[in-house]
């Protein structure tokens, strides 16, 4: 599984995820910083990435198009250090890796992670 980190998240997450064995890239290394969400989703789908974001628009795009991929991880974790955030998300990714490869929305907050399967 490969992780594409959206512009609204720190590029420093890349190294933390890579250290956990989760291959990741930040959008700033791939495309324009002002790219539309649909462009990021199309790139992720074409290149087999899972999108990590805080932006609700990605889930809405999948819902409105009845998409199957790419999976989206909706991060609702705030006020944690980057390391703690990466650990929380990384653990959820490792537990749900099979599902993330098939197409889901994974919502991660302070107390839990919940998953929605495609099609929505």
Protein backbone atom coordinates (compact mmCIF):
# COMPACT_ATOMS: atom_id res chain seq x y z
CA UNK A 1 0.00 0.00 0.00
CA UNK A 2 1.18 3.50 -0.84
CA UNK A 3 0.03 6.62 0.99
CA UNK A 4 -0.46 10.03 -0.65
CA UNK A 5 -0.51 12.78 1.98
CA UNK A 6 -2.66 15.81 1.13
CA UNK A 7 -1.35 19.38 1.19
CA UNK A 8 -3.27 20.16 4.39
CA UNK A 9 -0.97 17.85 6.38
CA UNK A 10 2.66 18.18 7.32
CA UNK A 11 5.24 16.85 4.83
CA UNK A 12 7.16 15.65 7.91
CA UNK A 13 4.66 12.78 8.15
CA UNK A 14 6.33 11.17 5.12
CA UNK A 15 9.47 10.23 7.04
CA UNK A 16 7.48 9.03 10.06
CA UNK A 17 5.30 6.75 7.92
CA UNK A 18 8.25 5.52 5.88
CA UNK A 19 10.02 4.61 9.14
CA UNK A 20 6.96 2.47 10.00
CA UNK A 21 7.22 0.67 6.68
CA UNK A 22 4.32 2.57 5.09
CA UNK A 23 5.49 3.93 1.74
CA UNK A 24 4.33 7.53 1.53
CA UNK A 25 4.70 10.75 -0.42
CA UNK A 26 3.40 14.27 0.13
CA UNK A 27 1.42 15.98 -2.62
CA UNK A 28 3.85 18.93 -2.69
CA UNK A 29 6.45 16.59 -4.20
CA UNK A 30 4.07 15.46 -6.95
CA UNK A 31 1.79 18.28 -8.04
CA UNK A 32 0.78 21.90 -7.74
CA UNK A 33 0.00 23.13 -4.22
CA UNK A 34 -3.28 24.62 -5.47
CA UNK A 35 -4.41 21.47 -7.30
CA UNK A 36 -8.09 20.69 -7.07
CA UNK A 37 -9.10 17.74 -4.91
CA UNK A 38 -10.41 15.86 -7.94
CA UNK A 39 -6.95 16.09 -9.55
CA UNK A 40 -5.35 14.59 -6.44
CA UNK A 41 -7.96 11.81 -6.40
CA UNK A 42 -7.40 11.02 -10.08
CA UNK A 43 -3.63 10.86 -9.55
CA UNK A 44 -4.09 8.59 -6.52
CA UNK A 45 -6.41 6.27 -8.43
CA UNK A 46 -4.15 6.08 -11.48
CA UNK A 47 -1.04 5.42 -9.36
CA UNK A 48 -2.63 3.13 -6.73
CA UNK A 49 -2.32 5.43 -3.69
CA UNK A 50 -4.50 5.74 -0.60
CA UNK A 51 -5.18 9.42 0.19
CA UNK A 52 -4.58 10.73 3.72
CA UNK A 53 -6.34 14.04 4.39
CA UNK A 54 -8.22 16.21 6.90
CA UNK A 55 -10.37 17.56 4.07
CA UNK A 56 -13.97 16.31 3.95
CA UNK A 57 -14.16 16.95 0.19
CA UNK A 58 -12.36 13.72 -0.69
CA UNK A 59 -15.01 11.57 0.95
CA UNK A 60 -17.71 13.66 -0.70
CA UNK A 61 -16.09 13.13 -4.13
CA UNK A 62 -16.14 9.37 -3.65
CA UNK A 63 -19.69 9.41 -2.36
CA UNK A 64 -21.04 11.48 -5.24
CA UNK A 65 -19.26 9.42 -7.91
CA UNK A 66 -19.85 6.03 -6.25
CA UNK A 67 -16.12 5.48 -6.64
CA UNK A 68 -14.31 2.32 -5.67
CA UNK A 69 -10.79 3.68 -5.38
CA UNK A 70 -8.68 5.29 -4.19
CA UNK A 71 -9.35 4.66 -0.53
CA UNK A 72 -9.42 7.75 1.66
CA UNK A 73 -8.19 8.06 5.22
CA UNK A 74 -10.04 10.95 6.84
CA UNK A 75 -7.90 12.16 9.72
CA UNK A 76 -9.69 13.87 12.59
CA UNK A 77 -6.76 13.83 14.99
CA UNK A 78 -5.67 17.25 16.20
CA UNK A 79 -3.52 18.63 18.98
CA UNK A 80 -1.21 15.62 19.02
CA UNK A 81 2.47 15.71 18.19
CA UNK A 82 3.32 14.60 14.66
CA UNK A 83 4.92 11.45 16.04
CA UNK A 84 1.84 10.52 18.09
CA UNK A 85 -0.43 11.32 15.13
CA UNK A 86 1.67 9.16 12.81
CA UNK A 87 1.62 6.28 15.32
CA UNK A 88 -2.17 6.44 15.68
CA UNK A 89 -2.75 6.59 11.94
CA UNK A 90 0.00 4.07 11.16
CA UNK A 91 -1.48 1.51 13.55
CA UNK A 92 -4.93 1.94 11.96
CA UNK A 93 -3.41 1.60 8.49
CA UNK A 94 -1.63 -1.62 9.42
CA UNK A 95 -4.80 -3.08 10.95
CA UNK A 96 -6.91 -2.15 7.91
CA UNK A 97 -4.39 -2.62 5.09
CA UNK A 98 -6.37 -5.34 3.28
CA UNK A 99 -9.51 -3.19 3.23
CA UNK A 100 -7.57 -0.08 2.19
CA UNK A 101 -6.31 -1.98 -0.84
CA UNK A 102 -9.88 -2.74 -1.94
CA UNK A 103 -11.46 0.67 -1.44
CA UNK A 104 -12.80 2.22 1.78
CA UNK A 105 -13.13 5.43 3.67
CA UNK A 106 -11.32 5.09 7.00
CA UNK A 107 -12.13 7.80 9.54
CA UNK A 108 -9.68 8.12 12.40
CA UNK A 109 -10.32 10.27 15.45
CA UNK A 110 -9.03 10.37 19.04
CA UNK A 111 -10.99 7.39 20.34
CA UNK A 112 -11.63 5.12 17.39
CA UNK A 113 -11.33 4.30 13.74
CA UNK A 114 -14.36 3.45 11.62
CA UNK A 115 -14.61 2.25 8.08
CA UNK A 116 -17.11 2.67 5.23
CA UNK A 117 -16.88 0.22 2.34
CA UNK A 118 -17.46 1.10 -1.32
CA UNK A 119 -19.76 1.59 -3.04
CA UNK A 120 -21.29 4.02 -0.60
